[in-house]
Amino acid sequence: MGIVVYLDTILVPLSLFIMVGYHAYLWHCFKNKPTQTTIGIDSLRRKSWFLNIKEGDDKKNMLVVQSLRNTQMSTIFTASIAILVNLSLAALTNTAFNSIHLLSNPFFGLQFGRISVLKFGSASLFLLVSFLCSSMGLGFLVEANFLLNICEEFSSSPTYTQTVFERGFLLSLIGNRVLCITFPLLIWLLSPVAVALSSVALVWGLYGLDFHDKIGSRNLL
């Protein structure tokens, strides 16, 4: 029993700390040194692209619609996965307590009582947050698409349009990252050891996607 308590009470909080701490560090780098992160570089490129759009012609307006459509489809895909996995998780809870005896080995951690509720509840909460952020991001992107294509007579200020534009991308990104963090929590249903390993693998993979080397960063300046 001591081993079981150690696995659940140490490895799982440590895994969450690793994932949340990494994204806190990513946000710090994004706000202070944006050219070192792909998110910051994409944000700078979008701002430049936005200024070119406002001064463009009908061909560029069509390009705007096509480009935003790709982001909208990605956001819809993230929201769909989040809600489908959440529904599947809710269905799984009906049979989880009937199959506890199949996961009685200490390697699988605690499988009864409040810890089981915590496992299902934490994963479900993160999935709902991912769905909410993705849905809000999709709404902002649709609004930005509309504002970018209306005639100048009825258009709002460029600052407001750009704010809506950036919020859509940011909420879409948050929804995607929350969904990524959810998968290690889903693996917690199997074993706290697997949570730790999957969290380290997730952070390692995201770091390769989120950060440029210094040489590449200087070339983009």
Protein backbone atom coordinates (compact mmCIF):
# COMPACT_ATOMS: atom_id res chain seq x y z
CA MET A 1 0.00 0.00 0.00
CA GLY A 2 2.91 2.33 0.69
CA ILE A 3 4.17 1.89 -2.87
CA VAL A 4 0.73 2.61 -4.27
CA VAL A 5 0.37 5.84 -2.29
CA TYR A 6 3.86 6.91 -3.34
CA LEU A 7 3.11 6.38 -7.03
CA ASP A 8 -0.14 8.34 -7.03
CA THR A 9 0.79 11.15 -4.65
CA ILE A 10 4.26 11.87 -6.01
CA LEU A 11 4.42 10.98 -9.70
CA VAL A 12 1.10 12.50 -10.78
CA PRO A 13 1.61 15.95 -9.13
CA LEU A 14 5.18 15.92 -10.42
CA SER A 15 3.93 15.22 -13.94
CA LEU A 16 1.43 18.09 -13.74
CA PHE A 17 4.16 20.38 -12.42
CA ILE A 18 6.40 19.47 -15.36
CA MET A 19 3.70 20.16 -17.96
CA VAL A 20 2.33 23.33 -16.36
CA GLY A 21 5.84 24.59 -15.54
CA TYR A 22 6.93 24.09 -19.14
CA HIS A 23 4.02 26.12 -20.47
CA ALA A 24 4.65 28.84 -17.87
CA TYR A 25 8.25 29.01 -19.12
CA LEU A 26 6.99 29.06 -22.73
CA TRP A 27 4.64 31.95 -21.93
CA HIS A 28 7.48 33.85 -20.23
CA CYS A 29 9.69 33.42 -23.30
CA PHE A 30 6.83 34.39 -25.59
CA LYS A 31 6.22 37.65 -23.71
CA ASN A 32 9.88 38.62 -23.25
CA LYS A 33 11.77 36.99 -26.14
CA PRO A 34 9.16 36.14 -28.79
CA THR A 35 11.71 35.45 -31.52
CA GLN A 36 12.98 32.42 -29.59
CA THR A 37 9.62 30.65 -29.84
CA THR A 38 7.64 29.52 -32.84
CA ILE A 39 4.52 30.96 -31.25
CA GLY A 40 6.13 34.39 -30.99
CA ILE A 41 7.47 34.24 -34.54
CA ASP A 42 4.05 33.22 -35.87
CA SER A 43 2.47 36.09 -33.94
CA LEU A 44 4.89 38.60 -35.47
CA ARG A 45 4.26 37.19 -38.92
CA ARG A 46 0.50 37.39 -38.42
CA LYS A 47 0.76 41.05 -37.44
CA SER A 48 2.74 41.80 -40.58
CA TRP A 49 0.32 39.71 -42.63
CA PHE A 50 -2.62 41.55 -41.09
CA LEU A 51 -1.21 44.94 -42.12
CA ASN A 52 -0.71 43.70 -45.68
CA ILE A 53 -4.25 42.36 -45.76
CA LYS A 54 -5.81 45.71 -44.88
CA GLU A 55 -4.00 47.28 -47.81
CA GLY A 56 -4.63 44.44 -50.24
CA ASP A 57 -6.99 43.75 -53.12
CA ASP A 58 -9.69 41.14 -53.77
CA LYS A 59 -7.14 38.41 -54.40
CA LYS A 60 -5.66 38.93 -50.96
CA ASN A 61 -9.13 38.91 -49.44
CA MET A 62 -9.68 35.47 -50.92
CA LEU A 63 -6.34 34.38 -49.46
CA VAL A 64 -7.52 35.60 -46.06
CA VAL A 65 -10.63 33.43 -46.24
CA GLN A 66 -8.65 30.35 -47.26
CA SER A 67 -5.96 30.87 -44.60
CA LEU A 68 -8.42 31.42 -41.76
CA ARG A 69 -10.46 28.45 -42.95
CA ASN A 70 -7.51 26.15 -42.28
CA THR A 71 -7.17 27.46 -38.73
CA GLN A 72 -10.91 27.16 -38.19
CA MET A 73 -10.89 23.54 -39.35
CA SER A 74 -8.02 22.76 -36.97
CA THR A 75 -9.90 24.39 -34.10
CA ILE A 76 -13.09 22.49 -34.92
CA PHE A 77 -11.07 19.27 -35.01
CA THR A 78 -9.60 19.96 -31.56
CA ALA A 79 -13.00 20.80 -30.08
CA SER A 80 -14.53 17.67 -31.63
CA ILE A 81 -11.83 15.42 -30.18
CA ALA A 82 -12.21 17.01 -26.76
CA ILE A 83 -15.97 16.54 -26.55
CA LEU A 84 -15.90 13.03 -28.04
CA VAL A 85 -13.21 11.86 -25.62
CA ASN A 86 -15.14 13.45 -22.76
CA LEU A 87 -18.31 11.60 -23.76
CA SER A 88 -16.35 8.36 -24.03
CA LEU A 89 -14.86 8.99 -20.62
CA ALA A 90 -18.32 9.55 -19.17
CA ALA A 91 -19.47 6.23 -20.64
CA LEU A 92 -16.39 4.52 -19.24
CA THR A 93 -17.19 5.63 -15.70
CA ASN A 94 -20.30 3.44 -15.76
CA THR A 95 -18.21 0.28 -16.05
CA ALA A 96 -15.02 1.41 -14.32
CA PHE A 97 -16.04 0.31 -10.86
CA ASN A 98 -17.06 -3.13 -12.16
CA SER A 99 -13.58 -3.79 -13.57
CA ILE A 100 -11.47 -2.66 -10.62
CA HIS A 101 -10.36 -6.21 -9.92
CA LEU A 102 -8.64 -6.32 -13.32
CA LEU A 103 -6.30 -3.48 -12.23
CA SER A 104 -5.46 -4.59 -8.72
CA ASN A 105 -1.70 -4.67 -9.23
CA PRO A 106 0.16 -1.90 -7.29
CA PHE A 107 1.76 -0.76 -10.55
CA PHE A 108 -1.62 0.60 -11.67
CA GLY A 109 -1.96 2.79 -8.58
CA LEU A 110 -5.10 3.30 -6.55
CA GLN A 111 -8.25 2.18 -8.37
CA PHE A 112 -10.97 2.74 -5.79
CA GLY A 113 -12.72 5.41 -3.77
CA ARG A 114 -11.97 9.09 -4.17
CA ILE A 115 -8.85 8.54 -6.26
CA SER A 116 -10.94 7.01 -9.06
CA VAL A 117 -13.27 10.01 -9.01
CA LEU A 118 -10.23 12.29 -9.13
CA LYS A 119 -8.84 10.45 -12.16
CA PHE A 120 -12.01 10.69 -14.19
CA GLY A 121 -12.90 14.16 -12.92
CA SER A 122 -9.54 15.77 -13.66
CA ALA A 123 -9.41 14.38 -17.20
CA SER A 124 -13.02 15.44 -17.83
CA LEU A 125 -12.35 18.96 -16.51
CA PHE A 126 -9.36 19.46 -18.80
CA LEU A 127 -11.34 18.17 -21.77
CA LEU A 128 -14.16 20.61 -21.05
CA VAL A 129 -11.68 23.50 -20.74
CA SER A 130 -10.12 22.49 -24.07
CA PHE A 131 -13.56 22.37 -25.71
CA LEU A 132 -14.50 25.76 -24.25
CA CYS A 133 -11.28 27.47 -25.39
CA SER A 134 -11.50 25.93 -28.86
CA SER A 135 -15.14 26.96 -29.22
CA MET A 136 -14.40 30.53 -28.13
CA GLY A 137 -11.38 30.64 -30.44
CA LEU A 138 -13.53 29.50 -33.34
CA GLY A 139 -16.02 32.26 -32.60
CA PHE A 140 -13.28 34.90 -32.61
CA LEU A 141 -11.85 33.55 -35.86
CA VAL A 142 -15.26 33.66 -37.56
CA GLU A 143 -15.72 37.22 -36.33
CA ALA A 144 -12.24 38.20 -37.56
CA ASN A 145 -12.97 36.65 -40.94
CA PHE A 146 -16.13 38.74 -41.17
CA LEU A 147 -14.43 41.97 -40.07
CA LEU A 148 -11.58 41.54 -42.54
CA ASN A 149 -13.89 41.18 -45.51
CA ILE A 150 -16.57 43.81 -44.94
CA CYS A 151 -16.39 47.05 -46.84
CA GLU A 152 -14.52 49.98 -45.34
CA GLU A 153 -17.72 51.98 -44.88
CA PHE A 154 -18.97 49.59 -42.20
CA SER A 155 -15.63 48.29 -40.92
CA SER A 156 -14.50 48.75 -37.33
CA SER A 157 -11.13 50.09 -36.25
CA PRO A 158 -8.07 48.08 -37.35
CA THR A 159 -6.98 47.78 -33.71
CA TYR A 160 -10.20 46.04 -32.71
CA THR A 161 -10.08 43.73 -35.71
CA GLN A 162 -6.49 42.77 -34.96
CA THR A 163 -7.38 42.13 -31.30
CA VAL A 164 -10.18 39.76 -32.34
CA PHE A 165 -7.83 38.17 -34.85
CA GLU A 166 -5.12 37.47 -32.25
CA ARG A 167 -7.54 36.29 -29.58
CA GLY A 168 -8.90 33.69 -31.96
CA PHE A 169 -5.45 32.24 -32.60
CA LEU A 170 -4.51 32.39 -28.91
CA LEU A 171 -7.65 30.61 -27.69
CA SER A 172 -7.24 28.02 -30.42
CA LEU A 173 -3.68 27.39 -29.25
CA ILE A 174 -4.75 27.15 -25.60
CA GLY A 175 -7.47 24.65 -26.47
CA ASN A 176 -4.96 22.53 -28.37
CA ARG A 177 -2.41 22.58 -25.54
CA VAL A 178 -4.98 21.77 -22.85
CA LEU A 179 -6.03 18.79 -24.96
CA CYS A 180 -2.39 17.69 -25.13
CA ILE A 181 -2.08 17.90 -21.34
CA THR A 182 -5.26 15.83 -21.00
CA PHE A 183 -3.77 12.73 -22.62
CA PRO A 184 -1.27 12.03 -19.80
CA LEU A 185 -4.19 12.40 -17.36
CA LEU A 186 -6.13 9.82 -19.35
CA ILE A 187 -3.13 7.50 -19.11
CA TRP A 188 -3.38 7.91 -15.33
CA LEU A 189 -6.31 5.51 -15.57
CA LEU A 190 -3.73 2.85 -16.39
CA SER A 191 -0.74 3.73 -14.24
CA PRO A 192 0.87 6.75 -12.51
CA VAL A 193 4.22 5.59 -13.86
CA ALA A 194 2.87 5.92 -17.40
CA VAL A 195 1.71 9.46 -16.54
CA ALA A 196 5.25 10.49 -15.60
CA LEU A 197 6.76 8.93 -18.71
CA SER A 198 4.14 10.40 -21.05
CA SER A 199 4.50 13.85 -19.46
CA VAL A 200 8.24 13.88 -20.03
CA ALA A 201 7.75 12.67 -23.61
CA LEU A 202 5.09 15.33 -24.22
CA VAL A 203 7.27 18.17 -22.91
CA TRP A 204 10.25 16.90 -24.89
CA GLY A 205 8.20 16.80 -28.10
CA LEU A 206 6.60 20.20 -27.53
CA TYR A 207 9.97 21.78 -26.77
CA GLY A 208 11.23 20.73 -30.19
CA LEU A 209 8.19 22.37 -31.77
CA ASP A 210 8.05 25.53 -29.65
CA PHE A 211 11.65 26.73 -29.64
CA HIS A 212 14.01 27.74 -32.42
CA ASP A 213 17.74 27.61 -32.09
CA LYS A 214 19.56 30.91 -31.66
CA ILE A 215 20.90 30.88 -35.22
CA GLY A 216 17.44 30.44 -36.71
CA SER A 217 16.09 33.18 -34.46
CA ARG A 218 18.71 35.67 -35.58
CA ASN A 219 17.99 34.92 -39.24
CA LEU A 220 14.34 35.79 -38.72
CA LEU A 221 15.08 39.20 -37.22
